Amino acid sequence: MSDNSEELEERALIADSDLAVAMGHLSRFISIMANGGGATGGTTWPAAMGIRHCCEYLDIGRTKFGEIVKAGELPKPFQLGGRPHWLREDLDRYVRKLARRRD
């Protein structure tokens, strides 16, 4: 084999390796996003959350969360197991709304 063909073969192996690494990263990203990840680092959050989990999810305190609900920024809670709960999708919608305001 000539030096040129060995160099081409080596480049092809490197390209295949780089592609495999990139595909691995993409696969992990898709898995994280499919499981409700993103900023949560892949943590799967429940579809409905009580006050404590809502506060953790939004990274705010109970008082601020209460102010947001009272102001009508989030829908009123529904009862689940005798306690108030909110849908994760409503929390996500609220965060997206805040993000659009900054633009």
N, C-alpha and C. Protein backbone atom coordinates (compact mmCIF):
# COMPACT_ATOMS: atom_id res chain seq x y z
N MET A 1 0.84 -1.17 0.00
CA MET A 1 0.00 0.00 0.00
C MET A 1 0.89 1.23 0.00
N SER A 2 0.51 2.21 -0.77
CA SER A 2 1.32 3.42 -0.84
C SER A 2 1.04 4.29 0.38
N ASP A 3 1.95 5.26 0.61
CA ASP A 3 1.79 6.17 1.72
C ASP A 3 0.48 6.95 1.62
N ASN A 4 0.12 7.32 0.39
CA ASN A 4 -1.09 8.10 0.17
C ASN A 4 -2.34 7.31 0.56
N SER A 5 -2.42 6.04 0.17
CA SER A 5 -3.59 5.24 0.49
C SER A 5 -3.66 4.93 1.99
N GLU A 6 -2.50 4.76 2.63
CA GLU A 6 -2.49 4.55 4.09
C GLU A 6 -2.99 5.79 4.81
N GLU A 7 -2.59 6.96 4.32
CA GLU A 7 -3.04 8.22 4.91
C GLU A 7 -4.55 8.37 4.74
N LEU A 8 -5.06 8.03 3.55
CA LEU A 8 -6.50 8.12 3.30
C LEU A 8 -7.26 7.14 4.20
N GLU A 9 -6.73 5.94 4.35
CA GLU A 9 -7.37 4.94 5.21
C GLU A 9 -7.39 5.42 6.67
N GLU A 10 -6.29 6.01 7.12
CA GLU A 10 -6.22 6.53 8.48
C GLU A 10 -7.23 7.66 8.68
N ARG A 11 -7.34 8.55 7.70
CA ARG A 11 -8.32 9.65 7.78
C ARG A 11 -9.74 9.11 7.84
N ALA A 12 -10.01 8.06 7.07
CA ALA A 12 -11.35 7.46 7.06
C ALA A 12 -11.67 6.86 8.42
N LEU A 13 -10.70 6.21 9.05
CA LEU A 13 -10.91 5.65 10.38
C LEU A 13 -11.18 6.74 11.41
N ILE A 14 -10.45 7.84 11.33
CA ILE A 14 -10.66 8.97 12.23
C ILE A 14 -12.05 9.56 12.02
N ALA A 15 -12.45 9.73 10.76
CA ALA A 15 -13.76 10.27 10.45
C ALA A 15 -14.86 9.36 10.98
N ASP A 16 -14.69 8.03 10.82
CA ASP A 16 -15.67 7.08 11.35
C ASP A 16 -15.75 7.18 12.87
N SER A 17 -14.61 7.33 13.51
CA SER A 17 -14.56 7.45 14.97
C SER A 17 -15.25 8.73 15.42
N ASP A 18 -14.97 9.84 14.75
CA ASP A 18 -15.60 11.13 15.08
C ASP A 18 -17.11 11.04 14.90
N LEU A 19 -17.54 10.38 13.85
CA LEU A 19 -18.96 10.22 13.58
C LEU A 19 -19.61 9.39 14.69
N ALA A 20 -18.95 8.33 15.11
CA ALA A 20 -19.49 7.48 16.18
C ALA A 20 -19.63 8.27 17.48
N VAL A 21 -18.66 9.10 17.80
CA VAL A 21 -18.73 9.93 19.00
C VAL A 21 -19.88 10.93 18.89
N ALA A 22 -20.00 11.56 17.75
CA ALA A 22 -21.09 12.54 17.54
C ALA A 22 -22.45 11.86 17.64
N MET A 23 -22.58 10.67 17.08
CA MET A 23 -23.85 9.96 17.14
C MET A 23 -24.17 9.56 18.59
N GLY A 24 -23.16 9.22 19.35
CA GLY A 24 -23.36 8.91 20.77
C GLY A 24 -23.88 10.12 21.54
N HIS A 25 -23.28 11.29 21.27
CA HIS A 25 -23.74 12.53 21.92
C HIS A 25 -25.18 12.84 21.52
N LEU A 26 -25.49 12.70 20.26
CA LEU A 26 -26.84 12.97 19.77
C LEU A 26 -27.84 12.01 20.40
N SER A 27 -27.48 10.76 20.51
CA SER A 27 -28.37 9.76 21.11
C SER A 27 -28.66 10.11 22.57
N ARG A 28 -27.61 10.50 23.32
CA ARG A 28 -27.81 10.89 24.73
C ARG A 28 -28.68 12.13 24.83
N PHE A 29 -28.47 13.11 23.96
CA PHE A 29 -29.27 14.34 23.96
C PHE A 29 -30.73 14.01 23.70
N ILE A 30 -31.00 13.18 22.71
CA ILE A 30 -32.39 12.82 22.39
C ILE A 30 -33.03 12.10 23.57
N SER A 31 -32.29 11.22 24.20
CA SER A 31 -32.81 10.49 25.36
C SER A 31 -33.14 11.44 26.50
N ILE A 32 -32.26 12.39 26.78
CA ILE A 32 -32.50 13.37 27.85
C ILE A 32 -33.74 14.19 27.55
N MET A 33 -33.85 14.68 26.32
CA MET A 33 -34.99 15.52 25.96
C MET A 33 -36.29 14.72 25.96
N ALA A 34 -36.25 13.48 25.54
CA ALA A 34 -37.45 12.64 25.51
C ALA A 34 -37.94 12.33 26.92
N ASN A 35 -37.04 12.36 27.89
CA ASN A 35 -37.41 12.06 29.27
C ASN A 35 -37.64 13.32 30.10
N GLY A 36 -37.93 14.42 29.43
CA GLY A 36 -38.22 15.65 30.16
C GLY A 36 -36.97 16.31 30.73
N GLY A 37 -35.83 16.07 30.12
CA GLY A 37 -34.59 16.59 30.64
C GLY A 37 -34.32 18.02 30.26
N GLY A 38 -33.25 18.25 29.65
CA GLY A 38 -32.85 19.61 29.34
C GLY A 38 -32.10 20.21 30.49
N ALA A 39 -32.58 21.31 31.00
CA ALA A 39 -31.91 21.99 32.09
C ALA A 39 -31.85 21.14 33.34
N THR A 40 -32.72 20.17 33.46
CA THR A 40 -32.73 19.33 34.63
C THR A 40 -31.67 18.24 34.59
N GLY A 41 -30.90 18.18 33.53
CA GLY A 41 -29.83 17.21 33.44
C GLY A 41 -30.32 15.79 33.25
N GLY A 42 -31.50 15.62 32.66
CA GLY A 42 -32.00 14.30 32.40
C GLY A 42 -32.94 13.78 33.47
N THR A 43 -33.16 14.56 34.53
CA THR A 43 -34.09 14.16 35.55
C THR A 43 -35.49 14.10 34.95
N THR A 44 -36.21 13.04 35.25
CA THR A 44 -37.58 12.92 34.77
C THR A 44 -38.50 13.51 35.83
N TRP A 45 -39.23 14.53 35.45
CA TRP A 45 -40.18 15.17 36.35
C TRP A 45 -41.56 14.60 36.10
N PRO A 46 -42.39 14.51 37.16
CA PRO A 46 -43.74 13.99 36.97
C PRO A 46 -44.60 14.94 36.14
N ALA A 47 -45.64 14.40 35.54
CA ALA A 47 -46.55 15.21 34.72
C ALA A 47 -47.32 16.21 35.56
N ALA A 48 -47.63 15.84 36.80
CA ALA A 48 -48.33 16.73 37.73
C ALA A 48 -47.49 16.85 38.99
N MET A 49 -47.37 18.08 39.50
CA MET A 49 -46.50 18.32 40.65
C MET A 49 -47.20 19.13 41.72
N GLY A 50 -46.92 18.77 42.97
CA GLY A 50 -47.38 19.56 44.10
C GLY A 50 -46.51 20.80 44.26
N ILE A 51 -46.84 21.61 45.24
CA ILE A 51 -46.14 22.89 45.43
C ILE A 51 -44.63 22.71 45.56
N ARG A 52 -44.21 21.76 46.40
CA ARG A 52 -42.77 21.59 46.64
C ARG A 52 -42.03 21.28 45.34
N HIS A 53 -42.57 20.36 44.55
CA HIS A 53 -41.90 20.01 43.30
C HIS A 53 -41.97 21.15 42.28
N CYS A 54 -43.08 21.87 42.26
CA CYS A 54 -43.18 23.04 41.36
C CYS A 54 -42.08 24.04 41.69
N CYS A 55 -41.89 24.30 42.98
CA CYS A 55 -40.86 25.25 43.40
C CYS A 55 -39.46 24.75 43.02
N GLU A 56 -39.22 23.47 43.21
CA GLU A 56 -37.92 22.90 42.81
C GLU A 56 -37.74 23.01 41.30
N TYR A 57 -38.78 22.67 40.57
CA TYR A 57 -38.72 22.67 39.11
C TYR A 57 -38.42 24.07 38.57
N LEU A 58 -39.07 25.08 39.18
CA LEU A 58 -38.87 26.46 38.73
C LEU A 58 -37.70 27.15 39.43
N ASP A 59 -37.14 26.49 40.44
CA ASP A 59 -36.03 27.04 41.22
C ASP A 59 -36.42 28.35 41.90
N ILE A 60 -37.59 28.33 42.54
CA ILE A 60 -38.08 29.49 43.28
C ILE A 60 -38.63 29.03 44.62
N GLY A 61 -38.88 29.97 45.52
CA GLY A 61 -39.44 29.65 46.83
C GLY A 61 -40.96 29.57 46.80
N ARG A 62 -41.51 29.08 47.91
CA ARG A 62 -42.96 28.94 48.02
C ARG A 62 -43.68 30.28 47.92
N THR A 63 -43.13 31.31 48.55
CA THR A 63 -43.78 32.62 48.52
C THR A 63 -43.88 33.14 47.10
N LYS A 64 -42.79 33.07 46.35
CA LYS A 64 -42.80 33.52 44.96
C LYS A 64 -43.76 32.69 44.12
N PHE A 65 -43.79 31.39 44.35
CA PHE A 65 -44.70 30.53 43.61
C PHE A 65 -46.14 30.95 43.88
N GLY A 66 -46.47 31.20 45.15
CA GLY A 66 -47.80 31.65 45.50
C GLY A 66 -48.17 32.96 44.82
N GLU A 67 -47.20 33.88 44.73
CA GLU A 67 -47.44 35.16 44.06
C GLU A 67 -47.74 34.95 42.58
N ILE A 68 -47.02 34.04 41.95
CA ILE A 68 -47.21 33.75 40.52
C ILE A 68 -48.61 33.19 40.29
N VAL A 69 -49.03 32.27 41.15
CA VAL A 69 -50.36 31.66 41.01
C VAL A 69 -51.44 32.72 41.27
N LYS A 70 -51.26 33.49 42.34
CA LYS A 70 -52.25 34.52 42.70
C LYS A 70 -52.40 35.56 41.59
N ALA A 71 -51.30 35.88 40.91
CA ALA A 71 -51.33 36.85 39.81
C ALA A 71 -51.96 36.27 38.54
N GLY A 72 -52.27 34.98 38.55
CA GLY A 72 -52.89 34.35 37.38
C GLY A 72 -51.90 33.96 36.30
N GLU A 73 -50.61 33.99 36.63
CA GLU A 73 -49.58 33.60 35.65
C GLU A 73 -49.60 32.09 35.39
N LEU A 74 -50.09 31.35 36.35
CA LEU A 74 -50.27 29.90 36.21
C LEU A 74 -51.74 29.58 36.44
N PRO A 75 -52.23 28.51 35.84
CA PRO A 75 -53.62 28.13 36.10
C PRO A 75 -53.81 27.75 37.57
N LYS A 76 -55.05 27.79 38.01
CA LYS A 76 -55.35 27.33 39.36
C LYS A 76 -55.05 25.84 39.44
N PRO A 77 -54.68 25.37 40.63
CA PRO A 77 -54.33 23.95 40.76
C PRO A 77 -55.56 23.05 40.69
N PHE A 78 -55.30 21.78 40.46
CA PHE A 78 -56.34 20.76 40.57
C PHE A 78 -55.95 19.85 41.72
N GLN A 79 -56.90 19.16 42.26
CA GLN A 79 -56.65 18.29 43.41
C GLN A 79 -56.24 16.90 42.95
N LEU A 80 -55.19 16.41 43.55
CA LEU A 80 -54.71 15.06 43.30
C LEU A 80 -54.27 14.51 44.65
N GLY A 81 -54.92 13.48 45.11
CA GLY A 81 -54.58 12.93 46.42
C GLY A 81 -54.87 13.91 47.54
N GLY A 82 -55.85 14.79 47.32
CA GLY A 82 -56.22 15.77 48.35
C GLY A 82 -55.28 16.95 48.46
N ARG A 83 -54.36 17.08 47.52
CA ARG A 83 -53.41 18.21 47.54
C ARG A 83 -53.43 18.91 46.20
N PRO A 84 -53.10 20.22 46.19
CA PRO A 84 -53.07 20.96 44.93
C PRO A 84 -51.88 20.54 44.06
N HIS A 85 -52.14 20.42 42.77
CA HIS A 85 -51.11 20.06 41.79
C HIS A 85 -51.24 20.92 40.54
N TRP A 86 -50.13 21.06 39.83
CA TRP A 86 -50.08 21.76 38.55
C TRP A 86 -49.45 20.84 37.53
N LEU A 87 -49.82 21.03 36.29
CA LEU A 87 -49.22 20.25 35.21
C LEU A 87 -47.84 20.80 34.86
N ARG A 88 -46.91 19.89 34.62
CA ARG A 88 -45.56 20.30 34.20
C ARG A 88 -45.62 21.14 32.93
N GLU A 89 -46.51 20.78 32.01
CA GLU A 89 -46.61 21.53 30.75
C GLU A 89 -47.05 22.98 31.01
N ASP A 90 -47.85 23.21 32.04
CA ASP A 90 -48.23 24.59 32.38
C ASP A 90 -47.03 25.37 32.93
N LEU A 91 -46.20 24.69 33.73
CA LEU A 91 -44.99 25.32 34.24
C LEU A 91 -44.03 25.65 33.10
N ASP A 92 -43.90 24.72 32.16
CA ASP A 92 -43.03 24.94 31.00
C ASP A 92 -43.54 26.11 30.15
N ARG A 93 -44.85 26.18 29.98
CA ARG A 93 -45.46 27.26 29.20
C ARG A 93 -45.16 28.61 29.88
N TYR A 94 -45.25 28.65 31.20
CA TYR A 94 -44.95 29.87 31.95
C TYR A 94 -43.50 30.30 31.74
N VAL A 95 -42.57 29.37 31.81
CA VAL A 95 -41.15 29.69 31.63
C VAL A 95 -40.89 30.20 30.21
N ARG A 96 -41.49 29.55 29.21
CA ARG A 96 -41.32 30.01 27.83
C ARG A 96 -41.88 31.43 27.65
N LYS A 97 -43.00 31.72 28.31
CA LYS A 97 -43.59 33.05 28.25
C LYS A 97 -42.62 34.09 28.84
N LEU A 98 -41.99 33.75 29.96
CA LEU A 98 -41.00 34.66 30.56
C LEU A 98 -39.82 34.87 29.61
N ALA A 99 -39.38 33.80 28.99
CA ALA A 99 -38.22 33.89 28.09
C ALA A 99 -38.55 34.77 26.87
N ARG A 100 -39.79 34.68 26.38
CA ARG A 100 -40.17 35.53 25.24
C ARG A 100 -40.21 37.00 25.63
N ARG A 101 -40.55 37.30 26.86
CA ARG A 101 -40.61 38.70 27.33
C ARG A 101 -39.25 39.38 27.29
N ARG A 102 -38.19 38.62 27.46
CA ARG A 102 -36.85 39.24 27.48
C ARG A 102 -36.43 39.69 26.08
N ASP A 103 -37.02 39.09 25.05
CA ASP A 103 -36.68 39.44 23.67
C ASP A 103 -37.37 40.72 23.33
